[in-house]
Amino acid sequence: METDSAPQEITSLVGREVYSNNGVFVGEVEDIRIDMDQEVVTGLALGQVNRELFDSRVDRSKGVLIPYRWVRAVGDIVLVNDIVERLSEPEEEEAPA
């Protein structure tokens, strides 16, 4: 019986908004990446992404794929680690001064 509920739970992720654990909007789930051999979710494909986070790294017409290991919680929204916010930091700031 658990097998019947699993696909419903996975497909229910589609359309949910994704936020960092700091409350920053990241994007909206458009699809789910699944490893069929291991039967595990490996990533979330996001569309309508926050351009402030991804403009420097992603073509405007494309979404992003984030690793599922970044997901902290799933409920009415999906919470991911704040590591996604660090993607928007300019590379100059990462170099030691």
PDB file of N, CA and C in Angstrom:
ATOM      1  N   MET A   1       0.811  -1.192   0.000  1.00  0.00           N
ATOM      2  CA  MET A   1       0.000   0.000   0.000  1.00  0.00           C
ATOM      3  C   MET A   1       0.857   1.260   0.000  1.00  0.00           C
ATOM      4  N   GLU A   2       2.037   1.209   0.599  1.00  0.00           N
ATOM      5  CA  GLU A   2       2.931   2.365   0.586  1.00  0.00           C
ATOM      6  C   GLU A   2       3.370   2.708  -0.826  1.00  0.00           C
ATOM      7  N   THR A   3       3.484   1.711  -1.698  1.00  0.00           N
ATOM      8  CA  THR A   3       3.883   1.956  -3.069  1.00  0.00           C
ATOM      9  C   THR A   3       2.885   2.866  -3.775  1.00  0.00           C
ATOM     10  N   ASP A   4       1.591   2.714  -3.477  1.00  0.00           N
ATOM     11  CA  ASP A   4       0.568   3.555  -4.092  1.00  0.00           C
ATOM     12  C   ASP A   4       0.705   5.005  -3.657  1.00  0.00           C
ATOM     13  N   SER A   5       1.092   5.255  -2.422  1.00  0.00           N
ATOM     14  CA  SER A   5       1.176   6.634  -1.936  1.00  0.00           C
ATOM     15  C   SER A   5       2.457   7.326  -2.388  1.00  0.00           C
ATOM     16  N   ALA A   6       3.541   6.595  -2.636  1.00  0.00           N
ATOM     17  CA  ALA A   6       4.799   7.211  -3.019  1.00  0.00           C
ATOM     18  C   ALA A   6       4.696   8.027  -4.309  1.00  0.00           C
ATOM     19  N   PRO A   7       4.128   7.485  -5.395  1.00  0.00           N
ATOM     20  CA  PRO A   7       4.033   8.313  -6.604  1.00  0.00           C
ATOM     21  C   PRO A   7       3.185   9.573  -6.392  1.00  0.00           C
ATOM     22  N   GLN A   8       2.168   9.502  -5.600  1.00  0.00           N
ATOM     23  CA  GLN A   8       1.348  10.675  -5.331  1.00  0.00           C
ATOM     24  C   GLN A   8       2.169  11.723  -4.584  1.00  0.00           C
ATOM     25  N   GLU A   9       2.980  11.309  -3.652  1.00  0.00           N
ATOM     26  CA  GLU A   9       3.808  12.255  -2.909  1.00  0.00           C
ATOM     27  C   GLU A   9       4.842  12.894  -3.823  1.00  0.00           C
ATOM     28  N   ILE A  10       5.462  12.108  -4.687  1.00  0.00           N
ATOM     29  CA  ILE A  10       6.479  12.648  -5.584  1.00  0.00           C
ATOM     30  C   ILE A  10       5.859  13.640  -6.554  1.00  0.00           C
ATOM     31  N   THR A  11       4.760  13.274  -7.172  1.00  0.00           N
ATOM     32  CA  THR A  11       4.146  14.184  -8.139  1.00  0.00           C
ATOM     33  C   THR A  11       3.554  15.412  -7.468  1.00  0.00           C
ATOM     34  N   SER A  12       3.262  15.320  -6.195  1.00  0.00           N
ATOM     35  CA  SER A  12       2.718  16.491  -5.506  1.00  0.00           C
ATOM     36  C   SER A  12       3.770  17.587  -5.309  1.00  0.00           C
ATOM     37  N   LEU A  13       5.045  17.261  -5.512  1.00  0.00           N
ATOM     38  CA  LEU A  13       6.100  18.274  -5.425  1.00  0.00           C
ATOM     39  C   LEU A  13       6.037  19.258  -6.588  1.00  0.00           C
ATOM     40  N   VAL A  14       5.570  18.799  -7.732  1.00  0.00           N
ATOM     41  CA  VAL A  14       5.506  19.653  -8.916  1.00  0.00           C
ATOM     42  C   VAL A  14       4.566  20.826  -8.646  1.00  0.00           C
ATOM     43  N   GLY A  15       5.060  22.016  -8.933  1.00  0.00           N
ATOM     44  CA  GLY A  15       4.274  23.228  -8.722  1.00  0.00           C
ATOM     45  C   GLY A  15       4.513  23.907  -7.388  1.00  0.00           C
ATOM     46  N   ARG A  16       5.225  23.243  -6.486  1.00  0.00           N
ATOM     47  CA  ARG A  16       5.498  23.870  -5.183  1.00  0.00           C
ATOM     48  C   ARG A  16       6.624  24.886  -5.296  1.00  0.00           C
ATOM     49  N   GLU A  17       6.485  25.940  -4.533  1.00  0.00           N
ATOM     50  CA  GLU A  17       7.532  26.959  -4.486  1.00  0.00           C
ATOM     51  C   GLU A  17       8.675  26.470  -3.610  1.00  0.00           C
ATOM     52  N   VAL A  18       9.879  26.874  -3.980  1.00  0.00           N
ATOM     53  CA  VAL A  18      11.088  26.480  -3.259  1.00  0.00           C
ATOM     54  C   VAL A  18      11.715  27.731  -2.661  1.00  0.00           C
ATOM     55  N   TYR A  19      12.019  27.660  -1.379  1.00  0.00           N
ATOM     56  CA  TYR A  19      12.652  28.765  -0.650  1.00  0.00           C
ATOM     57  C   TYR A  19      13.883  28.237   0.067  1.00  0.00           C
ATOM     58  N   SER A  20      14.865  29.129   0.278  1.00  0.00           N
ATOM     59  CA  SER A  20      16.002  28.759   1.112  1.00  0.00           C
ATOM     60  C   SER A  20      15.530  28.777   2.562  1.00  0.00           C
ATOM     61  N   ASN A  21      16.304  28.167   3.432  1.00  0.00           N
ATOM     62  CA  ASN A  21      15.907  28.176   4.844  1.00  0.00           C
ATOM     63  C   ASN A  21      16.018  29.569   5.453  1.00  0.00           C
ATOM     64  N   ASN A  22      16.531  30.556   4.680  1.00  0.00           N
ATOM     65  CA  ASN A  22      16.548  31.955   5.113  1.00  0.00           C
ATOM     66  C   ASN A  22      15.354  32.731   4.568  1.00  0.00           C
ATOM     67  N   GLY A  23      14.473  32.050   3.847  1.00  0.00           N
ATOM     68  CA  GLY A  23      13.268  32.687   3.340  1.00  0.00           C
ATOM     69  C   GLY A  23      13.401  33.332   1.970  1.00  0.00           C
ATOM     70  N   VAL A  24      14.486  33.069   1.259  1.00  0.00           N
ATOM     71  CA  VAL A  24      14.684  33.631  -0.072  1.00  0.00           C
ATOM     72  C   VAL A  24      14.032  32.712  -1.109  1.00  0.00           C
ATOM     73  N   PHE A  25      13.193  33.287  -1.986  1.00  0.00           N
ATOM     74  CA  PHE A  25      12.553  32.506  -3.041  1.00  0.00           C
ATOM     75  C   PHE A  25      13.616  32.012  -4.007  1.00  0.00           C
ATOM     76  N   VAL A  26      13.574  30.709  -4.327  1.00  0.00           N
ATOM     77  CA  VAL A  26      14.556  30.102  -5.223  1.00  0.00           C
ATOM     78  C   VAL A  26      13.930  29.801  -6.583  1.00  0.00           C
ATOM     79  N   GLY A  27      12.730  29.227  -6.598  1.00  0.00           N
ATOM     80  CA  GLY A  27      12.077  28.870  -7.850  1.00  0.00           C
ATOM     81  C   GLY A  27      10.852  28.021  -7.589  1.00  0.00           C
ATOM     82  N   GLU A  28      10.366  27.384  -8.642  1.00  0.00           N
ATOM     83  CA  GLU A  28       9.186  26.526  -8.542  1.00  0.00           C
ATOM     84  C   GLU A  28       9.524  25.168  -9.145  1.00  0.00           C
ATOM     85  N   VAL A  29       9.121  24.098  -8.474  1.00  0.00           N
ATOM     86  CA  VAL A  29       9.416  22.751  -8.947  1.00  0.00           C
ATOM     87  C   VAL A  29       8.630  22.486 -10.233  1.00  0.00           C
ATOM     88  N   GLU A  30       9.370  22.153 -11.302  1.00  0.00           N
ATOM     89  CA  GLU A  30       8.741  21.794 -12.574  1.00  0.00           C
ATOM     90  C   GLU A  30       8.828  20.310 -12.855  1.00  0.00           C
ATOM     91  N   ASP A  31       9.857  19.666 -12.309  1.00  0.00           N
ATOM     92  CA  ASP A  31      10.038  18.239 -12.552  1.00  0.00           C
ATOM     93  C   ASP A  31      10.926  17.668 -11.464  1.00  0.00           C
ATOM     94  N   ILE A  32      10.964  16.358 -11.417  1.00  0.00           N
ATOM     95  CA  ILE A  32      11.766  15.657 -10.408  1.00  0.00           C
ATOM     96  C   ILE A  32      12.707  14.707 -11.122  1.00  0.00           C
ATOM     97  N   ARG A  33      13.960  14.683 -10.685  1.00  0.00           N
ATOM     98  CA  ARG A  33      14.941  13.747 -11.236  1.00  0.00           C
ATOM     99  C   ARG A  33      14.989  12.532 -10.315  1.00  0.00           C
ATOM    100  N   ILE A  34      14.835  11.357 -10.915  1.00  0.00           N
ATOM    101  CA  ILE A  34      14.773  10.113 -10.137  1.00  0.00           C
ATOM    102  C   ILE A  34      15.809   9.133 -10.657  1.00  0.00           C
ATOM    103  N   ASP A  35      16.504   8.476  -9.742  1.00  0.00           N
ATOM    104  CA  ASP A  35      17.392   7.371 -10.091  1.00  0.00           C
ATOM    105  C   ASP A  35      16.529   6.113 -10.020  1.00  0.00           C
ATOM    106  N   MET A  36      16.164   5.588 -11.177  1.00  0.00           N
ATOM    107  CA  MET A  36      15.242   4.447 -11.223  1.00  0.00           C
ATOM    108  C   MET A  36      15.872   3.171 -10.672  1.00  0.00           C
ATOM    109  N   ASP A  37      17.199   3.021 -10.818  1.00  0.00           N
ATOM    110  CA  ASP A  37      17.855   1.818 -10.310  1.00  0.00           C
ATOM    111  C   ASP A  37      17.797   1.754  -8.788  1.00  0.00           C
ATOM    112  N   GLN A  38      18.031   2.905  -8.145  1.00  0.00           N
ATOM    113  CA  GLN A  38      18.039   2.940  -6.685  1.00  0.00           C
ATOM    114  C   GLN A  38      16.699   3.366  -6.102  1.00  0.00           C
ATOM    115  N   GLU A  39      15.776   3.792  -6.989  1.00  0.00           N
ATOM    116  CA  GLU A  39      14.443   4.219  -6.580  1.00  0.00           C
ATOM    117  C   GLU A  39      14.490   5.365  -5.566  1.00  0.00           C
ATOM    118  N   VAL A  40      15.293   6.395  -5.896  1.00  0.00           N
ATOM    119  CA  VAL A  40      15.406   7.575  -5.037  1.00  0.00           C
ATOM    120  C   VAL A  40      15.331   8.844  -5.875  1.00  0.00           C
ATOM    121  N   VAL A  41      14.839   9.907  -5.254  1.00  0.00           N
ATOM    122  CA  VAL A  41      14.831  11.220  -5.888  1.00  0.00           C
ATOM    123  C   VAL A  41      16.238  11.792  -5.761  1.00  0.00           C
ATOM    124  N   THR A  42      16.791  12.265  -6.882  1.00  0.00           N
ATOM    125  CA  THR A  42      18.158  12.796  -6.856  1.00  0.00           C
ATOM    126  C   THR A  42      18.216  14.301  -7.093  1.00  0.00           C
ATOM    127  N   GLY A  43      17.142  14.885  -7.596  1.00  0.00           N
ATOM    128  CA  GLY A  43      17.180  16.315  -7.848  1.00  0.00           C
ATOM    129  C   GLY A  43      15.816  16.896  -8.143  1.00  0.00           C
ATOM    130  N   LEU A  44      15.741  18.220  -8.061  1.00  0.00           N
ATOM    131  CA  LEU A  44      14.527  18.952  -8.400  1.00  0.00           C
ATOM    132  C   LEU A  44      14.862  19.909  -9.541  1.00  0.00           C
ATOM    133  N   ALA A  45      14.068  19.838 -10.606  1.00  0.00           N
ATOM    134  CA  ALA A  45      14.216  20.771 -11.722  1.00  0.00           C
ATOM    135  C   ALA A  45      13.319  21.961 -11.438  1.00  0.00           C
ATOM    136  N   LEU A  46      13.930  23.143 -11.359  1.00  0.00           N
ATOM    137  CA  LEU A  46      13.191  24.352 -11.022  1.00  0.00           C
ATOM    138  C   LEU A  46      13.038  25.254 -12.236  1.00  0.00           C
ATOM    139  N   GLY A  47      11.865  25.824 -12.354  1.00  0.00           N
ATOM    140  CA  GLY A  47      11.593  26.845 -13.348  1.00  0.00           C
ATOM    141  C   GLY A  47      11.198  28.107 -12.614  1.00  0.00           C
ATOM    142  N   GLN A  48      10.930  29.156 -13.339  1.00  0.00           N
ATOM    143  CA  GLN A  48      10.574  30.438 -12.746  1.00  0.00           C
ATOM    144  C   GLN A  48      11.512  30.762 -11.581  1.00  0.00           C
ATOM    145  N   VAL A  49      12.811  30.636 -11.870  1.00  0.00           N
ATOM    146  CA  VAL A  49      13.819  30.805 -10.825  1.00  0.00           C
ATOM    147  C   VAL A  49      14.035  32.270 -10.479  1.00  0.00           C
ATOM    148  N   ASN A  50      14.539  32.480  -9.285  1.00  0.00           N
ATOM    149  CA  ASN A  50      14.897  33.807  -8.805  1.00  0.00           C
ATOM    150  C   ASN A  50      16.102  34.284  -9.612  1.00  0.00           C
ATOM    151  N   ARG A  51      15.892  35.253 -10.466  1.00  0.00           N
ATOM    152  CA  ARG A  51      16.950  35.747 -11.347  1.00  0.00           C
ATOM    153  C   ARG A  51      18.106  36.369 -10.578  1.00  0.00           C
ATOM    154  N   GLU A  52      17.861  36.928  -9.418  1.00  0.00           N
ATOM    155  CA  GLU A  52      18.946  37.500  -8.620  1.00  0.00           C
ATOM    156  C   GLU A  52      19.943  36.426  -8.198  1.00  0.00           C
ATOM    157  N   LEU A  53      19.456  35.206  -8.009  1.00  0.00           N
ATOM    158  CA  LEU A  53      20.335  34.115  -7.597  1.00  0.00           C
ATOM    159  C   LEU A  53      21.058  33.477  -8.779  1.00  0.00           C
ATOM    160  N   PHE A  54      20.396  33.410  -9.936  1.00  0.00           N
ATOM    161  CA  PHE A  54      20.913  32.574 -11.018  1.00  0.00           C
ATOM    162  C   PHE A  54      21.298  33.285 -12.308  1.00  0.00           C
ATOM    163  N   ASP A  55      21.036  34.578 -12.455  1.00  0.00           N
ATOM    164  CA  ASP A  55      21.317  35.254 -13.726  1.00  0.00           C
ATOM    165  C   ASP A  55      22.760  35.107 -14.188  1.00  0.00           C
ATOM    166  N   SER A  56      23.697  35.151 -13.274  1.00  0.00           N
ATOM    167  CA  SER A  56      25.101  35.072 -13.673  1.00  0.00           C
ATOM    168  C   SER A  56      25.524  33.660 -14.075  1.00  0.00           C
ATOM    169  N   ARG A  57      24.700  32.665 -13.788  1.00  0.00           N
ATOM    170  CA  ARG A  57      25.096  31.280 -14.042  1.00  0.00           C
ATOM    171  C   ARG A  57      24.181  30.513 -14.990  1.00  0.00           C
ATOM    172  N   VAL A  58      22.973  31.022 -15.227  1.00  0.00           N
ATOM    173  CA  VAL A  58      21.989  30.267 -16.005  1.00  0.00           C
ATOM    174  C   VAL A  58      21.431  31.143 -17.112  1.00  0.00           C
ATOM    175  N   ASP A  59      21.342  30.564 -18.313  1.00  0.00           N
ATOM    176  CA  ASP A  59      20.699  31.259 -19.431  1.00  0.00           C
ATOM    177  C   ASP A  59      19.267  31.590 -19.036  1.00  0.00           C
ATOM    178  N   ARG A  60      18.813  32.761 -19.420  1.00  0.00           N
ATOM    179  CA  ARG A  60      17.496  33.254 -19.023  1.00  0.00           C
ATOM    180  C   ARG A  60      16.352  32.306 -19.407  1.00  0.00           C
ATOM    181  N   SER A  61      16.521  31.547 -20.467  1.00  0.00           N
ATOM    182  CA  SER A  61      15.447  30.678 -20.933  1.00  0.00           C
ATOM    183  C   SER A  61      15.448  29.311 -20.253  1.00  0.00           C
ATOM    184  N   LYS A  62      16.426  29.066 -19.398  1.00  0.00           N
ATOM    185  CA  LYS A  62      16.541  27.747 -18.770  1.00  0.00           C
ATOM    186  C   LYS A  62      16.265  27.807 -17.282  1.00  0.00           C
ATOM    187  N   GLY A  63      15.950  26.645 -16.733  1.00  0.00           N
ATOM    188  CA  GLY A  63      15.784  26.522 -15.297  1.00  0.00           C
ATOM    189  C   GLY A  63      17.057  25.973 -14.685  1.00  0.00           C
ATOM    190  N   VAL A  64      16.936  25.461 -13.478  1.00  0.00           N
ATOM    191  CA  VAL A  64      18.094  24.882 -12.795  1.00  0.00           C
ATOM    192  C   VAL A  64      17.706  23.533 -12.203  1.00  0.00           C
ATOM    193  N   LEU A  65      18.702  22.702 -12.014  1.00  0.00           N
ATOM    194  CA  LEU A  65      18.519  21.420 -11.354  1.00  0.00           C
ATOM    195  C   LEU A  65      19.310  21.477 -10.058  1.00  0.00           C
ATOM    196  N   ILE A  66      18.619  21.346  -8.933  1.00  0.00           N
ATOM    197  CA  ILE A  66      19.328  21.357  -7.656  1.00  0.00           C
ATOM    198  C   ILE A  66      19.332  19.950  -7.073  1.00  0.00           C
ATOM    199  N   PRO A  67      20.420  19.577  -6.423  1.00  0.00           N
ATOM    200  CA  PRO A  67      20.504  18.238  -5.829  1.00  0.00           C
ATOM    201  C   PRO A  67      19.462  18.075  -4.716  1.00  0.00           C
ATOM    202  N   TYR A  68      18.865  16.912  -4.657  1.00  0.00           N
ATOM    203  CA  TYR A  68      17.856  16.669  -3.632  1.00  0.00           C
ATOM    204  C   TYR A  68      18.466  16.686  -2.232  1.00  0.00           C
ATOM    205  N   ARG A  69      19.756  16.444  -2.130  1.00  0.00           N
ATOM    206  CA  ARG A  69      20.402  16.471  -0.798  1.00  0.00           C
ATOM    207  C   ARG A  69      20.347  17.862  -0.180  1.00  0.00           C
ATOM    208  N   TRP A  70      20.092  18.904  -0.975  1.00  0.00           N
ATOM    209  CA  TRP A  70      19.946  20.262  -0.450  1.00  0.00           C
ATOM    210  C   TRP A  70      18.585  20.481   0.201  1.00  0.00           C
ATOM    211  N   VAL A  71      17.629  19.588  -0.044  1.00  0.00           N
ATOM    212  CA  VAL A  71      16.278  19.757   0.506  1.00  0.00           C
ATOM    213  C   VAL A  71      16.303  19.491   1.998  1.00  0.00           C
ATOM    214  N   ARG A  72      15.777  20.452   2.750  1.00  0.00           N
ATOM    215  CA  ARG A  72      15.724  20.330   4.213  1.00  0.00           C
ATOM    216  C   ARG A  72      14.352  19.879   4.687  1.00  0.00           C
ATOM    217  N   ALA A  73      13.292  20.342   4.007  1.00  0.00           N
ATOM    218  CA  ALA A  73      11.935  20.003   4.426  1.00  0.00           C
ATOM    219  C   ALA A  73      10.981  20.180   3.250  1.00  0.00           C
ATOM    220  N   VAL A  74       9.920  19.369   3.273  1.00  0.00           N
ATOM    221  CA  VAL A  74       8.880  19.462   2.262  1.00  0.00           C
ATOM    222  C   VAL A  74       7.548  19.569   2.976  1.00  0.00           C
ATOM    223  N   GLY A  75       6.782  20.559   2.632  1.00  0.00           N
ATOM    224  CA  GLY A  75       5.447  20.766   3.185  1.00  0.00           C
ATOM    225  C   GLY A  75       4.641  21.514   2.138  1.00  0.00           C
ATOM    226  N   ASP A  76       3.996  22.596   2.518  1.00  0.00           N
ATOM    227  CA  ASP A  76       3.300  23.440   1.549  1.00  0.00           C
ATOM    228  C   ASP A  76       4.298  24.062   0.580  1.00  0.00           C
ATOM    229  N   ILE A  77       5.530  24.241   1.043  1.00  0.00           N
ATOM    230  CA  ILE A  77       6.641  24.712   0.216  1.00  0.00           C
ATOM    231  C   ILE A  77       7.799  23.744   0.420  1.00  0.00           C
ATOM    232  N   VAL A  78       8.840  23.910  -0.384  1.00  0.00           N
ATOM    233  CA  VAL A  78      10.052  23.107  -0.235  1.00  0.00           C
ATOM    234  C   VAL A  78      11.148  24.029   0.300  1.00  0.00           C
ATOM    235  N   LEU A  79      11.782  23.630   1.379  1.00  0.00           N
ATOM    236  CA  LEU A  79      12.900  24.392   1.948  1.00  0.00           C
ATOM    237  C   LEU A  79      14.209  23.725   1.569  1.00  0.00           C
ATOM    238  N   VAL A  80      15.155  24.540   1.088  1.00  0.00           N
ATOM    239  CA  VAL A  80      16.470  24.020   0.739  1.00  0.00           C
ATOM    240  C   VAL A  80      17.536  24.759   1.536  1.00  0.00           C
ATOM    241  N   ASN A  81      18.716  24.162   1.608  1.00  0.00           N
ATOM    242  CA  ASN A  81      19.844  24.791   2.304  1.00  0.00           C
ATOM    243  C   ASN A  81      20.136  26.164   1.727  1.00  0.00           C
ATOM    244  N   ASP A  82      20.686  27.024   2.542  1.00  0.00           N
ATOM    245  CA  ASP A  82      21.018  28.369   2.075  1.00  0.00           C
ATOM    246  C   ASP A  82      22.224  28.387   1.146  1.00  0.00           C
ATOM    247  N   ILE A  83      22.816  27.228   0.878  1.00  0.00           N
ATOM    248  CA  ILE A  83      23.940  27.168  -0.064  1.00  0.00           C
ATOM    249  C   ILE A  83      23.536  27.735  -1.414  1.00  0.00           C
ATOM    250  N   VAL A  84      22.280  27.607  -1.775  1.00  0.00           N
ATOM    251  CA  VAL A  84      21.792  28.119  -3.052  1.00  0.00           C
ATOM    252  C   VAL A  84      21.951  29.637  -3.126  1.00  0.00           C
ATOM    253  N   GLU A  85      21.861  30.319  -2.002  1.00  0.00           N
ATOM    254  CA  GLU A  85      22.045  31.769  -1.982  1.00  0.00           C
ATOM    255  C   GLU A  85      23.489  32.148  -2.295  1.00  0.00           C
ATOM    256  N   ARG A  86      24.429  31.314  -1.930  1.00  0.00           N
ATOM    257  CA  ARG A  86      25.839  31.601  -2.154  1.00  0.00           C
ATOM    258  C   ARG A  86      26.221  31.511  -3.626  1.00  0.00           C
ATOM    259  N   LEU A  87      25.368  30.906  -4.439  1.00  0.00           N
ATOM    260  CA  LEU A  87      25.639  30.822  -5.868  1.00  0.00           C
ATOM    261  C   LEU A  87      25.642  32.189  -6.520  1.00  0.00           C
ATOM    262  N   SER A  88      24.916  33.134  -5.940  1.00  0.00           N
ATOM    263  CA  SER A  88      24.811  34.459  -6.545  1.00  0.00           C
ATOM    264  C   SER A  88      25.959  35.393  -6.160  1.00  0.00           C
ATOM    265  N   GLU A  89      26.793  34.988  -5.228  1.00  0.00           N
ATOM    266  CA  GLU A  89      27.890  35.850  -4.792  1.00  0.00           C
ATOM    267  C   GLU A  89      28.934  35.961  -5.881  1.00  0.00           C
ATOM    268  N   PRO A  90      29.408  37.147  -6.165  1.00  0.00           N
ATOM    269  CA  PRO A  90      30.464  37.322  -7.178  1.00  0.00           C
ATOM    270  C   PRO A  90      31.713  36.546  -6.796  1.00  0.00           C
ATOM    271  N   GLU A  91      32.392  36.037  -7.799  1.00  0.00           N
ATOM    272  CA  GLU A  91      33.591  35.230  -7.543  1.00  0.00           C
ATOM    273  C   GLU A  91      34.704  36.038  -6.908  1.00  0.00           C
ATOM    274  N   GLU A  92      34.744  37.348  -7.118  1.00  0.00           N
ATOM    275  CA  GLU A  92      35.784  38.185  -6.518  1.00  0.00           C
ATOM    276  C   GLU A  92      35.725  38.124  -4.998  1.00  0.00           C
ATOM    277  N   GLU A  93      34.529  38.016  -4.433  1.00  0.00           N
ATOM    278  CA  GLU A  93      34.392  37.990  -2.985  1.00  0.00           C
ATOM    279  C   GLU A  93      34.888  36.679  -2.390  1.00  0.00           C
ATOM    280  N   GLU A  94      34.923  35.621  -3.223  1.00  0.00           N
ATOM    281  CA  GLU A  94      35.358  34.325  -2.725  1.00  0.00           C
ATOM    282  C   GLU A  94      36.880  34.243  -2.597  1.00  0.00           C
ATOM    283  N   ALA A  95      37.600  35.061  -3.365  1.00  0.00           N
ATOM    284  CA  ALA A  95      39.058  35.041  -3.318  1.00  0.00           C
ATOM    285  C   ALA A  95      39.553  35.760  -2.067  1.00  0.00           C
ATOM    286  N   PRO A  96      40.604  35.243  -1.439  1.00  0.00           N
ATOM    287  CA  PRO A  96      41.153  35.926  -0.261  1.00  0.00           C
ATOM    288  C   PRO A  96      41.705  37.296  -0.637  1.00  0.00           C
ATOM    289  N   ALA A  97      41.567  38.237   0.274  1.00  0.00           N
ATOM    290  CA  ALA A  97      42.018  39.616   0.003  1.00  0.00           C
ATOM    291  C   ALA A  97      43.485  39.790   0.277  1.00  0.00           C
TER     292      ALA A  97
END
